[in-house]
Protein backbone atom coordinates (compact mmCIF):
# COMPACT_ATOMS: atom_id res chain seq x y z
CA MET A 1 -54.93 84.25 -59.03
CA ALA A 2 -54.63 82.99 -55.60
CA LYS A 3 -51.07 83.53 -53.80
CA CYS A 4 -50.97 79.83 -53.24
CA ASP A 5 -51.65 78.88 -57.02
CA GLU A 6 -48.49 81.48 -58.12
CA GLY A 7 -45.99 78.90 -56.88
CA TYR A 8 -42.72 80.18 -55.54
CA LEU A 9 -41.61 83.42 -57.24
CA CYS A 10 -38.21 84.93 -57.15
CA GLU A 11 -37.90 87.96 -54.85
CA VAL A 12 -35.45 89.26 -57.39
CA CYS A 13 -36.81 88.68 -60.89
CA GLY A 14 -40.39 87.73 -60.18
CA GLN A 15 -40.32 84.54 -62.12
CA PRO A 16 -41.19 81.16 -60.78
CA VAL A 17 -38.31 79.05 -59.17
CA GLU A 18 -39.48 75.83 -60.77
CA ARG A 19 -36.62 73.45 -59.91
CA LEU A 20 -34.92 72.59 -56.30
CA SER A 21 -31.53 72.87 -57.96
CA ASP A 22 -32.42 76.46 -59.08
CA SER A 23 -33.32 77.66 -55.57
CA ALA A 24 -31.12 79.86 -53.27
CA LEU A 25 -33.54 79.23 -50.47
CA TYR A 26 -33.26 75.46 -50.33
CA LEU A 27 -29.39 75.75 -50.74
CA GLN A 28 -29.02 77.88 -47.89
CA TYR A 29 -31.38 75.58 -46.10
CA VAL A 30 -29.45 72.30 -47.10
CA ILE A 31 -26.02 74.01 -45.86
CA GLY A 32 -27.45 74.97 -42.46
CA TRP A 33 -27.68 78.86 -43.28
CA ILE A 34 -31.63 79.01 -42.80
CA ASP A 35 -32.89 77.22 -39.50
CA PRO A 36 -35.86 74.65 -40.14
CA GLU A 37 -38.16 76.77 -37.94
CA THR A 38 -37.72 79.96 -40.07
CA LEU A 39 -37.61 78.38 -43.51
CA HIS A 40 -41.33 78.67 -44.30
CA THR A 41 -41.00 82.59 -43.49
CA ARG A 42 -38.31 83.32 -46.22
CA ARG A 43 -38.72 84.51 -49.56
CA GLU A 44 -37.56 82.37 -52.41
CA CYS A 45 -34.73 83.30 -55.04
CA HIS A 46 -33.10 81.71 -57.90
CA LEU A 47 -29.38 80.93 -57.40
CA ILE A 48 -28.48 82.74 -60.54
CA CYS A 49 -30.15 85.76 -59.00
CA GLN A 50 -27.98 85.59 -56.03
CA PRO A 51 -24.61 85.68 -57.38
CA THR A 52 -22.72 86.23 -54.40
CA LEU A 53 -23.74 82.61 -53.28
CA ALA A 54 -23.71 81.34 -56.82
CA GLN A 55 -20.31 82.10 -57.26
CA PHE A 56 -19.18 79.36 -55.00
CA ILE A 57 -20.77 76.60 -57.03
CA GLU A 58 -18.18 74.51 -58.61
CA HIS A 59 -20.11 71.97 -60.55
CA GLU A 60 -20.36 71.08 -64.27
CA GLY A 61 -23.90 71.20 -64.10
CA PHE A 62 -24.21 74.81 -63.27
CA GLN A 63 -22.77 77.79 -65.34
CA SER A 64 -19.99 79.78 -63.18
CA VAL A 65 -20.84 83.08 -61.76
CA THR A 66 -18.55 85.87 -61.06
CA VAL A 67 -19.04 88.78 -58.88
CA GLU A 68 -17.20 92.11 -59.34
CA GLY A 69 -16.60 94.54 -56.45
CA ASP A 70 -16.43 93.91 -53.03
CA PHE A 71 -18.04 90.40 -52.65
CA ASP A 72 -15.98 89.02 -55.43
CA ARG A 73 -14.95 85.48 -53.98
CA ARG A 74 -11.29 86.12 -55.53
CA LYS A 75 -10.76 89.00 -53.05
CA LEU A 76 -11.27 86.55 -50.16
CA SER A 77 -8.65 84.78 -48.19
CA PRO A 78 -7.72 81.33 -50.06
CA ASP A 79 -8.86 79.47 -46.89
CA PHE A 80 -11.98 80.87 -46.88
CA ASP A 81 -12.93 80.73 -50.50
CA LEU A 82 -12.01 76.92 -50.48
CA SER A 83 -14.20 76.14 -47.47
CA ARG A 84 -17.22 78.29 -48.72
CA ALA A 85 -16.73 76.78 -52.26
CA GLU A 86 -16.58 73.18 -50.90
CA LEU A 87 -19.87 73.67 -48.46
CA VAL A 88 -21.79 75.37 -51.06
CA THR A 89 -20.99 73.08 -53.93
CA ARG A 90 -21.61 69.95 -51.77
CA GLY A 91 -25.18 71.70 -51.02
CA TYR A 92 -25.67 72.02 -54.79
CA ARG A 93 -25.09 68.58 -55.17
CA ARG A 94 -27.49 67.59 -52.55
CA LEU A 95 -30.18 69.77 -54.23
CA ARG A 96 -29.62 68.07 -57.56
CA GLU A 97 -29.89 64.88 -55.81
CA LEU A 98 -33.12 65.66 -54.04
CA GLN A 99 -34.58 67.04 -57.23
CA SER A 100 -34.37 63.42 -58.71
CA SER A 101 -35.18 61.29 -55.69
CA ARG A 102 -37.06 63.26 -52.92
CA ARG A 103 -40.53 61.51 -53.35
CA GLY A 104 -41.81 60.91 -49.58
CA LEU A 105 -38.63 62.40 -47.99
CA PRO A 106 -39.54 64.76 -45.29
CA ILE A 107 -38.10 68.13 -45.61
CA SER A 108 -36.20 67.60 -42.33
CA GLU A 109 -34.00 65.15 -44.41
CA TYR A 110 -32.94 67.71 -46.99
CA PRO A 111 -29.97 69.02 -45.13
CA LEU A 112 -26.63 67.72 -45.30
CA ALA A 113 -25.96 64.93 -42.79
CA GLU A 114 -23.70 67.13 -40.53
CA ILE A 115 -26.38 69.79 -40.56
CA ARG A 116 -28.93 67.33 -39.65
CA ALA A 117 -26.88 65.92 -36.88
CA ARG A 118 -26.16 69.54 -35.50
CA TRP A 119 -29.86 70.40 -35.37
CA GLU A 120 -30.89 67.23 -33.64
């Protein structure tokens, strides 16, 4: 099978990342952690396969993730934890919104409004 026919495979588990709302790559793009100029060079990953990011999603549509060890969000300062959870959760909500209504929307419009403004 040609590489382009394989779809986007998770670099951790090797399985296809079939939905936008499962994508750690696009979540990071939406919240401004991945520059639009380098998006196409990055590898895909399921959110659940990237628990250090997924632990910050606080949404009824996402099964909560707990990380043990040094990267456990419960070990972070409360202010940092709160701000990170707010940003990542907003990004996750944006992914869900895009998943249901992105037809014809250019990829440059995917990020949160303040991220798009920062990049303009």
